[in-house]
Amino acid sequence: MPAQVTRGSVLGMTPDRTAIEAAAARIAPHIRHTPVIRLAAGDLGLAFPVTLKLELLQHAGSFKPRGAFNRILKAQEAGALPASGVIAASGGNHGAAVAYAAQALGLTAEIFVPQHTPQSKRDRIERAGARLVRGGETYFEALTASRARQAETGAMEVHAYDHEDVLAGQGTTAREFEADAPEMTHVLVATGGGGLIGGMTAWLAGRVAVVSVEPEACPTLHTALREGRPVEVPVGGVAADALGARQIGALAFAVAKAHIGTAVLVTDAAIQAAQKVLWQQLRLVTEPGGATALAALLSGVWVPPEGARVGVLVCGSNTDPALVMG
């Protein structure tokens, strides 16, 4: 069985629940309250029931608009949003979310993506009216290029995961999930740079156990927990465009170190199998990153304790349907 890392001390965190409540009120007019679906034991070939939160139905095809809207709207409230608009680097989903938010709010947006970003995600960005810039082989290279451009234009950076307002926005996902499935004792979340799991854990800590799930080829949080600090890791595999951060964000790591008890790794084959199951059983088209959390259950990498009520976040749909349906 792949390695798993265990931690358990309780510390304070940023953002806190007050910030997430404020984010929920701020972004409510602009995001969808995505549904949950309760599956009985056997529905997915598992011996226990599972509740899925279908965040793949969010605007722009992922959870990312929550953080993007909160970051931008809070800056607007403070009078801190420059006339030159916003700028972001992204593997694809965050860029689509920032572009969508900018379009909705009447702002200019520039999005920098690496060369490998799938066409489906590039198309979403451009359809939302943002200027798309492709360059570099990795997210980090796109981020470096975006910051050079930001120095020229003065646009406000909307970081993909390492900003308190972004984490607070992503934390609203957990707030909704817990409200709709209050019986939940454990939730599985896919981890990339850490904005989603950091925000969700900040909301759920002390009440619901959060399990981090990462591809073996993108083990940012798993490695950081093992080493006791964020470190750079190789990036590759089928989910790299969504989960391929080179290093876990500092804010997310602080939350995870204090409050995440388990971090597991799954293979690319397990991720692709989870995509197929979601299509075959529920007719849901998910990208690899969107199916990664479920892959931990279906592959047996994580087995819930007796009596657990398990929730899983299905968090992204930006892919070519033919890759899943074929």
Protein backbone atom coordinates (compact mmCIF):
# COMPACT_ATOMS: atom_id res chain seq x y z
CA MET A 1 0.00 0.00 0.00
CA PRO A 2 1.34 3.52 -0.81
CA ALA A 3 2.76 5.48 2.07
CA GLN A 4 0.62 7.68 4.25
CA VAL A 5 1.69 10.37 6.66
CA THR A 6 0.03 11.10 10.00
CA ARG A 7 -0.01 14.34 11.99
CA GLY A 8 -2.32 15.55 14.71
CA SER A 9 -1.45 18.60 16.88
CA VAL A 10 -3.95 21.47 17.05
CA LEU A 11 -2.86 25.04 16.34
CA GLY A 12 -4.46 28.24 15.13
CA MET A 13 -4.88 28.84 11.41
CA THR A 14 -5.33 31.41 8.69
CA PRO A 15 -7.96 31.92 7.40
CA ASP A 16 -10.33 31.27 10.28
CA ARG A 17 -14.03 30.44 10.24
CA THR A 18 -14.98 34.11 10.55
CA ALA A 19 -13.09 34.90 7.35
CA ILE A 20 -14.77 31.98 5.57
CA GLU A 21 -18.22 33.12 6.74
CA ALA A 22 -17.46 36.59 5.40
CA ALA A 23 -16.26 35.08 2.11
CA ALA A 24 -19.48 33.05 1.80
CA ALA A 25 -21.59 36.20 2.14
CA ARG A 26 -19.36 38.13 -0.24
CA ILE A 27 -19.34 35.63 -3.09
CA ALA A 28 -22.90 34.29 -2.73
CA PRO A 29 -24.33 36.32 -5.66
CA HIS A 30 -21.63 35.01 -7.98
CA ILE A 31 -21.26 31.27 -7.32
CA ARG A 32 -23.43 28.18 -7.38
CA HIS A 33 -24.34 26.24 -4.27
CA THR A 34 -23.37 22.91 -5.78
CA PRO A 35 -25.38 19.78 -4.96
CA VAL A 36 -24.48 16.65 -3.04
CA ILE A 37 -25.48 13.13 -4.01
CA ARG A 38 -25.77 10.35 -1.46
CA LEU A 39 -24.77 6.93 -2.74
CA ALA A 40 -25.75 3.74 -0.97
CA ALA A 41 -23.29 0.98 -0.20
CA GLY A 42 -22.62 -0.88 -3.43
CA ASP A 43 -23.44 2.00 -5.78
CA LEU A 44 -19.75 2.50 -6.59
CA GLY A 45 -18.67 -1.01 -5.69
CA LEU A 46 -17.82 0.06 -2.14
CA ALA A 47 -19.01 -1.63 1.04
CA PHE A 48 -20.17 1.63 2.63
CA PRO A 49 -22.23 4.69 1.63
CA VAL A 50 -20.51 7.78 0.24
CA THR A 51 -21.68 11.36 -0.21
CA LEU A 52 -20.23 13.27 -3.15
CA LYS A 53 -20.21 17.05 -3.42
CA LEU A 54 -20.45 17.87 -7.12
CA GLU A 55 -18.25 20.94 -7.27
CA LEU A 56 -17.46 20.08 -10.88
CA LEU A 57 -20.81 21.79 -11.58
CA GLN A 58 -19.46 25.13 -10.35
CA HIS A 59 -19.03 28.06 -12.75
CA ALA A 60 -15.94 27.58 -14.95
CA GLY A 61 -15.95 23.85 -14.20
CA SER A 62 -14.21 23.73 -10.82
CA PHE A 63 -14.22 25.07 -7.26
CA LYS A 64 -11.79 27.82 -8.23
CA PRO A 65 -14.27 30.73 -8.73
CA ARG A 66 -14.89 30.76 -4.98
CA GLY A 67 -11.36 31.88 -4.22
CA ALA A 68 -11.07 34.11 -7.28
CA PHE A 69 -14.26 36.05 -6.49
CA ASN A 70 -13.37 36.44 -2.83
CA ARG A 71 -9.90 37.77 -3.61
CA ILE A 72 -11.17 40.26 -6.18
CA LEU A 73 -14.30 41.41 -4.37
CA LYS A 74 -12.48 41.95 -1.09
CA ALA A 75 -9.90 44.10 -2.89
CA GLN A 76 -12.73 46.08 -4.48
CA GLU A 77 -14.31 46.65 -1.07
CA ALA A 78 -11.00 48.03 0.19
CA GLY A 79 -10.51 50.26 -2.87
CA ALA A 80 -7.35 48.32 -3.66
CA LEU A 81 -8.17 47.02 -7.13
CA PRO A 82 -6.07 48.74 -9.82
CA ALA A 83 -7.53 50.03 -13.07
CA SER A 84 -5.28 47.59 -14.92
CA GLY A 85 -7.35 44.69 -13.61
CA VAL A 86 -6.12 41.28 -12.52
CA ILE A 87 -3.44 38.83 -13.52
CA ALA A 88 -2.90 35.18 -12.66
CA ALA A 89 -0.81 32.14 -13.44
CA SER A 90 -2.52 28.80 -13.66
CA GLY A 91 -2.40 25.23 -14.88
CA GLY A 92 -5.85 25.93 -16.29
CA ASN A 93 -8.74 25.81 -13.80
CA HIS A 94 -7.67 28.82 -11.74
CA GLY A 95 -7.12 30.79 -14.92
CA ALA A 96 -10.60 29.91 -16.14
CA ALA A 97 -12.03 30.99 -12.77
CA VAL A 98 -10.19 34.33 -12.71
CA ALA A 99 -11.21 34.98 -16.30
CA TYR A 100 -14.83 34.17 -15.45
CA ALA A 101 -14.80 36.38 -12.36
CA ALA A 102 -13.19 39.26 -14.24
CA GLN A 103 -15.76 39.02 -17.01
CA ALA A 104 -18.62 38.95 -14.51
CA LEU A 105 -17.24 42.03 -12.73
CA GLY A 106 -16.28 43.97 -15.87
CA LEU A 107 -12.52 43.75 -15.32
CA THR A 108 -9.51 43.16 -17.53
CA ALA A 109 -7.69 39.88 -16.97
CA GLU A 110 -4.44 38.35 -18.17
CA ILE A 111 -3.83 34.63 -17.61
CA PHE A 112 -0.46 32.91 -17.96
CA VAL A 113 -0.47 29.14 -18.46
CA PRO A 114 2.24 26.55 -19.21
CA GLN A 115 2.48 24.95 -22.63
CA HIS A 116 0.91 21.68 -21.47
CA THR A 117 -2.38 23.25 -20.33
CA PRO A 118 -5.15 21.29 -22.09
CA GLN A 119 -7.05 22.89 -24.94
CA SER A 120 -10.34 22.57 -23.04
CA LYS A 121 -9.00 24.82 -20.28
CA ARG A 122 -7.39 27.30 -22.66
CA ASP A 123 -10.70 27.58 -24.50
CA ARG A 124 -12.57 28.40 -21.27
CA ILE A 125 -10.09 31.16 -20.45
CA GLU A 126 -10.37 32.77 -23.87
CA ARG A 127 -14.15 32.44 -24.07
CA ALA A 128 -14.34 34.51 -20.88
CA GLY A 129 -12.50 37.34 -22.63
CA ALA A 130 -9.15 37.15 -20.85
CA ARG A 131 -5.82 37.60 -22.60
CA LEU A 132 -4.16 34.18 -22.62
CA VAL A 133 -0.38 33.86 -22.60
CA ARG A 134 1.24 30.44 -23.04
CA GLY A 135 4.83 29.89 -22.06
CA GLY A 136 7.15 27.67 -20.10
CA GLU A 137 6.88 24.00 -19.29
CA THR A 138 5.58 24.31 -15.72
CA TYR A 139 3.21 26.32 -13.57
CA PHE A 140 6.20 27.88 -11.81
CA GLU A 141 7.54 29.21 -15.12
CA ALA A 142 4.11 30.64 -15.94
CA LEU A 143 4.00 32.26 -12.50
CA THR A 144 7.43 33.81 -13.02
CA ALA A 145 6.35 35.22 -16.38
CA SER A 146 3.10 36.57 -14.93
CA ARG A 147 4.96 38.40 -12.19
CA ALA A 148 7.28 40.02 -14.70
CA ARG A 149 4.23 41.21 -16.59
CA GLN A 150 2.56 42.38 -13.38
CA ALA A 151 5.57 44.60 -12.68
CA GLU A 152 4.86 46.30 -16.02
CA THR A 153 1.09 46.72 -15.75
CA GLY A 154 0.43 47.04 -12.01
CA ALA A 155 -2.43 44.53 -12.23
CA MET A 156 -3.44 42.72 -9.04
CA GLU A 157 -2.21 39.16 -8.74
CA VAL A 158 -4.83 36.54 -7.93
CA HIS A 159 -2.62 33.70 -6.73
CA ALA A 160 -3.83 30.20 -7.49
CA TYR A 161 -3.52 28.97 -3.90
CA ASP A 162 -1.19 30.85 -1.56
CA HIS A 163 -3.27 33.83 -0.47
CA GLU A 164 -5.52 34.12 2.59
CA ASP A 165 -8.50 35.46 0.65
CA VAL A 166 -8.22 32.65 -1.89
CA LEU A 167 -8.14 30.04 0.89
CA ALA A 168 -11.13 31.68 2.57
CA GLY A 169 -13.08 31.50 -0.67
CA GLN A 170 -12.21 27.85 -1.18
CA GLY A 171 -13.20 27.20 2.43
CA THR A 172 -16.79 28.01 1.52
CA THR A 173 -16.85 24.65 -0.28
CA ALA A 174 -16.51 22.90 3.08
CA ARG A 175 -19.07 25.20 4.68
CA GLU A 176 -21.64 24.17 2.08
CA PHE A 177 -20.69 20.50 2.19
CA GLU A 178 -21.00 20.31 5.96
CA ALA A 179 -24.36 22.12 5.92
CA ASP A 180 -25.74 19.71 3.32
CA ALA A 181 -24.20 16.55 4.84
CA PRO A 182 -23.98 17.21 8.59
CA GLU A 183 -23.56 13.50 9.30
CA MET A 184 -20.16 13.49 7.56
CA THR A 185 -17.21 12.40 9.74
CA HIS A 186 -14.47 12.23 7.07
CA VAL A 187 -13.96 14.08 3.80
CA LEU A 188 -11.48 13.25 1.04
CA VAL A 189 -10.02 16.19 -0.88
CA ALA A 190 -7.58 16.30 -3.79
CA THR A 191 -4.49 18.40 -3.08
CA GLY A 192 -2.34 20.42 -5.48
CA GLY A 193 -0.94 23.74 -4.31
CA GLY A 194 -3.17 23.51 -1.25
CA GLY A 195 -5.70 26.32 -1.58
CA LEU A 196 -8.68 24.00 -1.55
CA ILE A 197 -7.60 21.64 1.21
CA GLY A 198 -6.23 24.53 3.27
CA GLY A 199 -9.50 26.45 3.10
CA MET A 200 -11.67 23.39 3.67
CA THR A 201 -9.60 22.24 6.63
CA ALA A 202 -9.74 25.71 8.16
CA TRP A 203 -13.52 25.34 8.21
CA LEU A 204 -13.81 21.68 9.23
CA ALA A 205 -10.95 21.26 11.72
CA GLY A 206 -12.11 19.80 15.01
CA ARG A 207 -15.37 18.42 13.59
CA VAL A 208 -14.66 16.51 10.37
CA ALA A 209 -11.43 14.65 9.59
CA VAL A 210 -9.86 15.79 6.31
CA VAL A 211 -7.94 13.26 4.21
CA SER A 212 -5.55 14.65 1.59
CA VAL A 213 -5.29 12.69 -1.66
CA GLU A 214 -2.55 13.37 -4.21
CA PRO A 215 -1.22 11.67 -7.32
CA GLU A 216 2.02 9.78 -6.77
CA ALA A 217 3.46 12.00 -9.50
CA CYS A 218 2.56 15.27 -7.67
CA PRO A 219 3.16 14.61 -3.94
CA THR A 220 3.49 18.19 -2.65
CA LEU A 221 1.68 17.96 0.70
CA HIS A 222 2.59 14.33 1.40
CA THR A 223 6.28 15.20 0.98
CA ALA A 224 6.03 18.40 3.01
CA LEU A 225 4.38 16.60 5.94
CA ARG A 226 7.05 13.92 5.84
CA GLU A 227 9.87 16.47 5.73
CA GLY A 228 8.27 18.91 8.16
CA ARG A 229 8.38 21.82 5.72
CA PRO A 230 7.36 22.71 2.15
CA VAL A 231 9.87 21.32 -0.32
CA GLU A 232 10.02 21.18 -4.11
CA VAL A 233 8.88 17.94 -5.73
CA PRO A 234 8.86 16.61 -9.30
CA VAL A 235 5.63 17.22 -11.16
CA GLY A 236 4.08 14.86 -13.70
CA GLY A 237 1.29 12.43 -14.40
CA VAL A 238 -2.25 12.65 -15.70
CA ALA A 239 -3.43 15.28 -13.19
CA ALA A 240 -0.47 17.65 -13.43
CA ASP A 241 -2.46 20.41 -15.14
CA ALA A 242 -4.72 20.67 -12.06
CA LEU A 243 -2.63 19.33 -9.16
CA GLY A 244 0.88 19.98 -10.43
CA ALA A 245 2.21 22.62 -8.04
CA ARG A 246 5.93 22.21 -7.46
CA GLN A 247 5.62 23.04 -3.76
CA ILE A 248 2.74 23.24 -1.30
CA GLY A 249 1.65 26.76 -0.40
CA ALA A 250 2.90 28.12 2.91
CA LEU A 251 -0.60 28.95 4.20
CA ALA A 252 -2.00 25.55 3.31
CA PHE A 253 0.97 23.79 4.88
CA ALA A 254 0.48 25.63 8.16
CA VAL A 255 -3.15 24.46 8.28
CA ALA A 256 -2.29 20.94 7.16
CA LYS A 257 0.54 20.47 9.63
CA ALA A 258 -1.81 21.28 12.46
CA HIS A 259 -5.02 19.63 11.37
CA ILE A 260 -4.69 17.05 8.61
CA GLY A 261 -4.34 13.58 10.04
CA THR A 262 -3.81 11.58 6.86
CA ALA A 263 -2.24 12.20 3.44
CA VAL A 264 -2.30 9.41 0.85
CA LEU A 265 -1.02 8.94 -2.69
CA VAL A 266 -2.79 7.33 -5.64
CA THR A 267 -1.55 6.09 -8.98
CA ASP A 268 -2.44 7.56 -12.35
CA ALA A 269 -4.18 4.28 -13.17
CA ALA A 270 -6.37 4.62 -10.07
CA ILE A 271 -7.29 8.19 -11.04
CA GLN A 272 -8.27 7.16 -14.56
CA ALA A 273 -10.29 4.25 -13.17
CA ALA A 274 -12.17 6.68 -10.89
CA GLN A 275 -12.96 8.88 -13.89
CA LYS A 276 -14.43 5.87 -15.66
CA VAL A 277 -16.54 4.87 -12.63
CA LEU A 278 -17.96 8.38 -12.30
CA TRP A 279 -18.94 8.31 -15.95
CA GLN A 280 -20.27 4.75 -16.02
CA GLN A 281 -22.25 4.95 -12.77
CA LEU A 282 -23.28 8.62 -12.60
CA ARG A 283 -22.68 10.02 -16.07
CA LEU A 284 -20.30 12.63 -14.64
CA VAL A 285 -17.39 13.75 -16.80
CA THR A 286 -14.47 14.65 -14.56
CA GLU A 287 -10.92 15.65 -15.28
CA PRO A 288 -8.18 13.59 -13.61
CA GLY A 289 -7.73 16.08 -10.76
CA GLY A 290 -11.48 16.09 -10.18
CA ALA A 291 -11.55 12.31 -9.68
CA THR A 292 -8.37 12.03 -7.59
CA ALA A 293 -10.04 12.10 -4.18
CA LEU A 294 -12.48 9.34 -5.10
CA ALA A 295 -9.59 7.27 -6.46
CA ALA A 296 -8.31 6.79 -2.91
CA LEU A 297 -11.54 5.03 -1.93
CA LEU A 298 -12.01 2.99 -5.08
CA SER A 299 -8.41 1.75 -5.07
CA GLY A 300 -8.41 0.93 -1.36
CA VAL A 301 -5.53 3.26 -0.58
CA TRP A 302 -7.67 4.77 2.18
CA VAL A 303 -10.20 2.64 4.07
CA PRO A 304 -12.60 4.43 6.41
CA PRO A 305 -12.79 3.38 10.04
CA GLU A 306 -15.86 1.51 11.19
CA GLY A 307 -18.86 3.78 11.52
CA ALA A 308 -17.40 6.59 9.41
CA ARG A 309 -19.67 8.68 7.21
CA VAL A 310 -17.55 9.56 4.23
CA GLY A 311 -17.72 12.59 1.95
CA VAL A 312 -15.74 13.10 -1.24
CA LEU A 313 -15.23 16.32 -3.18
CA VAL A 314 -15.52 15.88 -6.95
CA CYS A 315 -13.88 19.12 -7.90
CA GLY A 316 -13.27 19.58 -11.64
CA SER A 317 -14.77 18.84 -15.08
CA ASN A 318 -12.51 20.63 -17.55
CA THR A 319 -11.46 17.87 -19.89
CA ASP A 320 -12.26 16.45 -23.29
CA PRO A 321 -15.29 14.19 -22.68
CA ALA A 322 -14.00 11.70 -25.23
CA LEU A 323 -11.07 10.93 -22.92
CA VAL A 324 -13.49 9.77 -20.22
CA MET A 325 -16.36 8.32 -22.22
CA GLY A 326 -14.31 6.27 -24.67
